[in-house]
Amino acid sequence: RRKQPGTDDKVLTAWNGMMIAGLAAVGGTLDEPRYLEAAARAANAIEEHMAIPDGATSGGGLYRTYRDGVAKIPGFLEDYAHYVHGLIQLHRYSGNGDDYLDWAERYTAYAIEHFAHENGGYYDTLADQADLFVRTRGTYDGAVPSGNSQMVHNLVDLFELTGNRDYAERAARDLASFATPMRERGGAMMHMLH
């Protein structure tokens, strides 16, 4: 009879990216169109509701959350990294996913432009976030891979899919920037090591 707690029903870009990647891989591997269709619906919903229009603040980027018809909070690195991974998987497994590859390249370019550290790797947040004292570069791969780790994987995948050497060179630069932490605490960076 107690009042029930609220349900967290917001949509998160990063988590949807991981779900899209999983559904696309399973749908393609098991030849189950319903999973590919669900992944495509999710990607299209993110594009429709969570893509920031050009000309707006952070224009051309992504919002982090969506709830009750309202998208807000400019995306973090992990939102771009995991959503791009989902788009890459949709491209691979859908058979007609050129739009998904275009979107993946566009959001990768946005992430590089807005999150890249001058020595390689990426900050977790945008530069103009007033509520932060320090911009961190997360590397811990726990239950969810870090944005930095996933970005390296995405760059390697984009190089393989497009043949664009810029992606391979950026991935090598990003990996090199994390060489010392990988050597010292590689067990906490398993996705990056992979």
C-alpha atoms as a PDB file:
ATOM      1  CA  ARG A   1       0.000   0.000   0.000  1.00  0.00           C
ATOM      2  CA  ARG A   2       3.020   2.270   0.093  1.00  0.00           C
ATOM      3  CA  LYS A   3       3.418   4.852  -2.641  1.00  0.00           C
ATOM      4  CA  GLN A   4       5.486   3.274  -5.397  1.00  0.00           C
ATOM      5  CA  PRO A   5       8.772   4.891  -6.456  1.00  0.00           C
ATOM      6  CA  GLY A   6       8.926   6.688  -9.760  1.00  0.00           C
ATOM      7  CA  THR A   7      10.033   4.830 -12.858  1.00  0.00           C
ATOM      8  CA  ASP A   8      13.095   6.087 -14.681  1.00  0.00           C
ATOM      9  CA  ASP A   9      11.708   6.110 -18.203  1.00  0.00           C
ATOM     10  CA  LYS A  10      14.058   8.532 -19.928  1.00  0.00           C
ATOM     11  CA  VAL A  11      15.792   7.557 -23.158  1.00  0.00           C
ATOM     12  CA  LEU A  12      19.603   7.746 -23.126  1.00  0.00           C
ATOM     13  CA  THR A  13      21.512   8.029 -26.383  1.00  0.00           C
ATOM     14  CA  ALA A  14      24.495   5.931 -25.222  1.00  0.00           C
ATOM     15  CA  TRP A  15      22.372   3.061 -23.916  1.00  0.00           C
ATOM     16  CA  ASN A  16      20.277   3.039 -27.065  1.00  0.00           C
ATOM     17  CA  GLY A  17      23.466   2.917 -29.125  1.00  0.00           C
ATOM     18  CA  MET A  18      24.551  -0.223 -27.272  1.00  0.00           C
ATOM     19  CA  MET A  19      21.102  -1.758 -27.739  1.00  0.00           C
ATOM     20  CA  ILE A  20      21.081  -0.888 -31.454  1.00  0.00           C
ATOM     21  CA  ALA A  21      24.494  -2.537 -31.891  1.00  0.00           C
ATOM     22  CA  GLY A  22      23.347  -5.693 -30.117  1.00  0.00           C
ATOM     23  CA  LEU A  23      20.057  -5.964 -32.000  1.00  0.00           C
ATOM     24  CA  ALA A  24      21.755  -5.386 -35.352  1.00  0.00           C
ATOM     25  CA  ALA A  25      24.426  -8.020 -34.698  1.00  0.00           C
ATOM     26  CA  VAL A  26      21.927 -10.604 -33.459  1.00  0.00           C
ATOM     27  CA  GLY A  27      19.461  -9.830 -36.232  1.00  0.00           C
ATOM     28  CA  GLY A  28      22.120 -10.139 -38.921  1.00  0.00           C
ATOM     29  CA  THR A  29      23.833 -13.181 -37.454  1.00  0.00           C
ATOM     30  CA  LEU A  30      20.624 -15.144 -36.809  1.00  0.00           C
ATOM     31  CA  ASP A  31      18.840 -13.828 -39.907  1.00  0.00           C
ATOM     32  CA  GLU A  32      16.061 -12.370 -37.737  1.00  0.00           C
ATOM     33  CA  PRO A  33      14.670  -9.306 -39.531  1.00  0.00           C
ATOM     34  CA  ARG A  34      12.569  -8.251 -36.524  1.00  0.00           C
ATOM     35  CA  TYR A  35      15.738  -7.439 -34.554  1.00  0.00           C
ATOM     36  CA  LEU A  36      17.217  -5.441 -37.411  1.00  0.00           C
ATOM     37  CA  GLU A  37      13.908  -3.600 -37.774  1.00  0.00           C
ATOM     38  CA  ALA A  38      13.868  -2.788 -34.044  1.00  0.00           C
ATOM     39  CA  ALA A  39      17.432  -1.484 -34.264  1.00  0.00           C
ATOM     40  CA  ALA A  40      16.543   0.662 -37.281  1.00  0.00           C
ATOM     41  CA  ARG A  41      13.442   2.057 -35.517  1.00  0.00           C
ATOM     42  CA  ALA A  42      15.567   3.020 -32.512  1.00  0.00           C
ATOM     43  CA  ALA A  43      18.190   4.731 -34.689  1.00  0.00           C
ATOM     44  CA  ASN A  44      15.514   6.605 -36.607  1.00  0.00           C
ATOM     45  CA  ALA A  45      13.881   7.705 -33.334  1.00  0.00           C
ATOM     46  CA  ILE A  46      17.194   9.089 -32.083  1.00  0.00           C
ATOM     47  CA  GLU A  47      17.635  10.967 -35.353  1.00  0.00           C
ATOM     48  CA  GLU A  48      14.098  12.318 -35.144  1.00  0.00           C
ATOM     49  CA  HIS A  49      14.005  13.284 -31.463  1.00  0.00           C
ATOM     50  CA  MET A  50      17.576  13.599 -30.178  1.00  0.00           C
ATOM     51  CA  ALA A  51      19.632  15.076 -33.033  1.00  0.00           C
ATOM     52  CA  ILE A  52      20.378  18.756 -32.398  1.00  0.00           C
ATOM     53  CA  PRO A  53      19.441  20.840 -35.457  1.00  0.00           C
ATOM     54  CA  ASP A  54      22.193  22.716 -37.258  1.00  0.00           C
ATOM     55  CA  GLY A  55      22.290  26.320 -36.156  1.00  0.00           C
ATOM     56  CA  ALA A  56      21.310  25.558 -32.544  1.00  0.00           C
ATOM     57  CA  THR A  57      23.805  25.500 -29.689  1.00  0.00           C
ATOM     58  CA  SER A  58      25.813  22.295 -30.210  1.00  0.00           C
ATOM     59  CA  GLY A  59      24.129  22.147 -33.628  1.00  0.00           C
ATOM     60  CA  GLY A  60      24.731  18.981 -35.586  1.00  0.00           C
ATOM     61  CA  GLY A  61      25.286  17.024 -32.387  1.00  0.00           C
ATOM     62  CA  LEU A  62      23.144  14.846 -30.157  1.00  0.00           C
ATOM     63  CA  TYR A  63      21.158  15.329 -26.998  1.00  0.00           C
ATOM     64  CA  ARG A  64      21.860  12.939 -24.131  1.00  0.00           C
ATOM     65  CA  THR A  65      18.319  12.382 -22.823  1.00  0.00           C
ATOM     66  CA  TYR A  66      14.744  12.338 -24.065  1.00  0.00           C
ATOM     67  CA  ARG A  67      11.604  12.122 -21.946  1.00  0.00           C
ATOM     68  CA  ASP A  68       7.973  13.172 -22.385  1.00  0.00           C
ATOM     69  CA  GLY A  69       8.671  14.684 -25.790  1.00  0.00           C
ATOM     70  CA  VAL A  70      11.609  16.793 -24.599  1.00  0.00           C
ATOM     71  CA  ALA A  71      15.253  16.199 -25.531  1.00  0.00           C
ATOM     72  CA  LYS A  72      17.848  17.929 -23.387  1.00  0.00           C
ATOM     73  CA  ILE A  73      21.443  17.992 -22.176  1.00  0.00           C
ATOM     74  CA  PRO A  74      24.056  18.063 -24.953  1.00  0.00           C
ATOM     75  CA  GLY A  75      25.557  14.608 -25.415  1.00  0.00           C
ATOM     76  CA  PHE A  76      28.670  13.341 -23.672  1.00  0.00           C
ATOM     77  CA  LEU A  77      31.457  11.460 -25.432  1.00  0.00           C
ATOM     78  CA  GLU A  78      29.899   8.116 -24.471  1.00  0.00           C
ATOM     79  CA  ASP A  79      26.668   9.095 -26.260  1.00  0.00           C
ATOM     80  CA  TYR A  80      28.523   9.661 -29.518  1.00  0.00           C
ATOM     81  CA  ALA A  81      30.794   6.645 -29.138  1.00  0.00           C
ATOM     82  CA  HIS A  82      28.074   4.099 -28.375  1.00  0.00           C
ATOM     83  CA  TYR A  83      25.546   5.516 -30.828  1.00  0.00           C
ATOM     84  CA  VAL A  84      28.140   5.490 -33.621  1.00  0.00           C
ATOM     85  CA  HIS A  85      28.921   1.861 -32.745  1.00  0.00           C
ATOM     86  CA  GLY A  86      25.227   1.049 -33.126  1.00  0.00           C
ATOM     87  CA  LEU A  87      25.089   2.810 -36.493  1.00  0.00           C
ATOM     88  CA  ILE A  88      28.164   0.927 -37.706  1.00  0.00           C
ATOM     89  CA  GLN A  89      26.570  -2.392 -36.741  1.00  0.00           C
ATOM     90  CA  LEU A  90      23.327  -1.415 -38.475  1.00  0.00           C
ATOM     91  CA  HIS A  91      25.281  -0.580 -41.609  1.00  0.00           C
ATOM     92  CA  ARG A  92      27.122  -3.910 -41.481  1.00  0.00           C
ATOM     93  CA  TYR A  93      24.127  -6.115 -40.925  1.00  0.00           C
ATOM     94  CA  SER A  94      21.229  -4.361 -42.643  1.00  0.00           C
ATOM     95  CA  GLY A  95      22.499  -4.727 -46.196  1.00  0.00           C
ATOM     96  CA  ASN A  96      21.171  -1.290 -47.158  1.00  0.00           C
ATOM     97  CA  GLY A  97      22.626   0.883 -44.451  1.00  0.00           C
ATOM     98  CA  ASP A  98      24.417   3.675 -46.309  1.00  0.00           C
ATOM     99  CA  ASP A  99      22.454   6.263 -44.305  1.00  0.00           C
ATOM    100  CA  TYR A 100      23.699   4.640 -41.104  1.00  0.00           C
ATOM    101  CA  LEU A 101      27.299   4.828 -42.269  1.00  0.00           C
ATOM    102  CA  ASP A 102      26.819   8.489 -43.240  1.00  0.00           C
ATOM    103  CA  TRP A 103      25.366   9.229 -39.796  1.00  0.00           C
ATOM    104  CA  ALA A 104      28.226   7.338 -38.124  1.00  0.00           C
ATOM    105  CA  GLU A 105      30.815   9.370 -40.012  1.00  0.00           C
ATOM    106  CA  ARG A 106      29.022  12.646 -39.263  1.00  0.00           C
ATOM    107  CA  TYR A 107      28.827  11.990 -35.500  1.00  0.00           C
ATOM    108  CA  THR A 108      32.405  10.748 -35.425  1.00  0.00           C
ATOM    109  CA  ALA A 109      33.536  14.001 -37.026  1.00  0.00           C
ATOM    110  CA  TYR A 110      31.484  15.929 -34.480  1.00  0.00           C
ATOM    111  CA  ALA A 111      33.039  13.976 -31.589  1.00  0.00           C
ATOM    112  CA  ILE A 112      36.553  14.554 -32.908  1.00  0.00           C
ATOM    113  CA  GLU A 113      35.894  18.272 -33.346  1.00  0.00           C
ATOM    114  CA  HIS A 114      34.249  18.831 -29.950  1.00  0.00           C
ATOM    115  CA  PHE A 115      35.776  16.246 -27.596  1.00  0.00           C
ATOM    116  CA  ALA A 116      39.306  15.519 -28.877  1.00  0.00           C
ATOM    117  CA  HIS A 117      42.257  16.112 -26.584  1.00  0.00           C
ATOM    118  CA  GLU A 118      45.205  17.825 -28.261  1.00  0.00           C
ATOM    119  CA  ASN A 119      47.495  14.853 -27.492  1.00  0.00           C
ATOM    120  CA  GLY A 120      45.058  12.145 -28.554  1.00  0.00           C
ATOM    121  CA  GLY A 121      42.013  10.575 -26.975  1.00  0.00           C
ATOM    122  CA  TYR A 122      38.906  12.469 -25.934  1.00  0.00           C
ATOM    123  CA  TYR A 123      37.420  14.426 -23.086  1.00  0.00           C
ATOM    124  CA  ASP A 124      34.217  13.029 -21.628  1.00  0.00           C
ATOM    125  CA  THR A 125      32.324  16.318 -21.906  1.00  0.00           C
ATOM    126  CA  LEU A 126      32.054  19.395 -24.083  1.00  0.00           C
ATOM    127  CA  ALA A 127      34.382  22.317 -23.398  1.00  0.00           C
ATOM    128  CA  ASP A 128      31.698  24.813 -22.401  1.00  0.00           C
ATOM    129  CA  GLN A 129      29.980  22.917 -19.577  1.00  0.00           C
ATOM    130  CA  ALA A 130      29.708  25.509 -16.816  1.00  0.00           C
ATOM    131  CA  ASP A 131      28.972  22.963 -14.080  1.00  0.00           C
ATOM    132  CA  LEU A 132      32.369  21.235 -14.384  1.00  0.00           C
ATOM    133  CA  PHE A 133      35.681  22.397 -12.923  1.00  0.00           C
ATOM    134  CA  VAL A 134      37.808  19.896 -14.859  1.00  0.00           C
ATOM    135  CA  ARG A 135      37.331  18.052 -18.141  1.00  0.00           C
ATOM    136  CA  THR A 136      38.235  14.413 -17.561  1.00  0.00           C
ATOM    137  CA  ARG A 137      39.260  11.727 -20.042  1.00  0.00           C
ATOM    138  CA  GLY A 138      37.651   8.547 -18.759  1.00  0.00           C
ATOM    139  CA  THR A 139      39.332   5.250 -19.587  1.00  0.00           C
ATOM    140  CA  TYR A 140      37.718   2.763 -17.199  1.00  0.00           C
ATOM    141  CA  ASP A 141      36.019  -0.097 -19.004  1.00  0.00           C
ATOM    142  CA  GLY A 142      33.554  -1.483 -16.507  1.00  0.00           C
ATOM    143  CA  ALA A 143      30.094  -2.834 -17.244  1.00  0.00           C
ATOM    144  CA  VAL A 144      29.994  -0.180 -19.981  1.00  0.00           C
ATOM    145  CA  PRO A 145      33.102   0.483 -22.089  1.00  0.00           C
ATOM    146  CA  SER A 146      34.472   3.996 -21.799  1.00  0.00           C
ATOM    147  CA  GLY A 147      33.785   6.503 -24.527  1.00  0.00           C
ATOM    148  CA  ASN A 148      37.507   6.601 -25.315  1.00  0.00           C
ATOM    149  CA  SER A 149      37.703   2.835 -25.784  1.00  0.00           C
ATOM    150  CA  GLN A 150      34.618   2.721 -27.966  1.00  0.00           C
ATOM    151  CA  MET A 151      35.853   5.634 -30.083  1.00  0.00           C
ATOM    152  CA  VAL A 152      39.045   3.725 -30.911  1.00  0.00           C
ATOM    153  CA  HIS A 153      36.982   0.694 -31.967  1.00  0.00           C
ATOM    154  CA  ASN A 154      34.709   2.911 -34.059  1.00  0.00           C
ATOM    155  CA  LEU A 155      37.661   4.513 -35.837  1.00  0.00           C
ATOM    156  CA  VAL A 156      39.123   1.110 -36.702  1.00  0.00           C
ATOM    157  CA  ASP A 157      35.707  -0.048 -37.959  1.00  0.00           C
ATOM    158  CA  LEU A 158      35.241   3.113 -40.035  1.00  0.00           C
ATOM    159  CA  PHE A 159      38.678   2.644 -41.578  1.00  0.00           C
ATOM    160  CA  GLU A 160      37.801  -0.948 -42.507  1.00  0.00           C
ATOM    161  CA  LEU A 161      34.445   0.109 -43.976  1.00  0.00           C
ATOM    162  CA  THR A 162      35.549   3.215 -45.866  1.00  0.00           C
ATOM    163  CA  GLY A 163      39.268   2.762 -46.508  1.00  0.00           C
ATOM    164  CA  ASN A 164      39.810   6.315 -45.211  1.00  0.00           C
ATOM    165  CA  ARG A 165      43.303   6.279 -43.662  1.00  0.00           C
ATOM    166  CA  ASP A 166      42.478   9.304 -41.511  1.00  0.00           C
ATOM    167  CA  TYR A 167      40.434   6.996 -39.297  1.00  0.00           C
ATOM    168  CA  ALA A 168      43.321   4.549 -38.859  1.00  0.00           C
ATOM    169  CA  GLU A 169      45.768   7.348 -38.104  1.00  0.00           C
ATOM    170  CA  ARG A 170      43.406   8.897 -35.559  1.00  0.00           C
ATOM    171  CA  ALA A 171      42.888   5.498 -33.875  1.00  0.00           C
ATOM    172  CA  ALA A 172      46.673   4.969 -33.661  1.00  0.00           C
ATOM    173  CA  ARG A 173      47.145   8.447 -32.203  1.00  0.00           C
ATOM    174  CA  ASP A 174      44.393   7.882 -29.637  1.00  0.00           C
ATOM    175  CA  LEU A 175      45.830   4.510 -28.621  1.00  0.00           C
ATOM    176  CA  ALA A 176      49.311   5.976 -28.286  1.00  0.00           C
ATOM    177  CA  SER A 177      47.983   8.664 -25.948  1.00  0.00           C
ATOM    178  CA  PHE A 178      46.826   5.929 -23.554  1.00  0.00           C
ATOM    179  CA  ALA A 179      49.947   3.733 -23.781  1.00  0.00           C
ATOM    180  CA  THR A 180      51.141   4.505 -20.241  1.00  0.00           C
ATOM    181  CA  PRO A 181      47.815   3.897 -18.482  1.00  0.00           C
ATOM    182  CA  MET A 182      47.310   0.702 -20.520  1.00  0.00           C
ATOM    183  CA  ARG A 183      50.731  -0.527 -19.413  1.00  0.00           C
ATOM    184  CA  GLU A 184      50.173   0.444 -15.770  1.00  0.00           C
ATOM    185  CA  ARG A 185      46.530  -0.575 -15.316  1.00  0.00           C
ATOM    186  CA  GLY A 186      45.510  -2.460 -18.410  1.00  0.00           C
ATOM    187  CA  GLY A 187      43.052  -4.615 -16.500  1.00  0.00           C
ATOM    188  CA  ALA A 188      40.840  -1.561 -16.086  1.00  0.00           C
ATOM    189  CA  MET A 189      40.978  -0.811 -19.831  1.00  0.00           C
ATOM    190  CA  MET A 190      40.095  -4.171 -21.371  1.00  0.00           C
ATOM    191  CA  HIS A 191      37.987  -2.760 -24.211  1.00  0.00           C
ATOM    192  CA  MET A 192      40.820  -0.404 -25.144  1.00  0.00           C
ATOM    193  CA  LEU A 193      43.328  -3.271 -25.023  1.00  0.00           C
ATOM    194  CA  HIS A 194      41.053  -5.366 -27.197  1.00  0.00           C
END
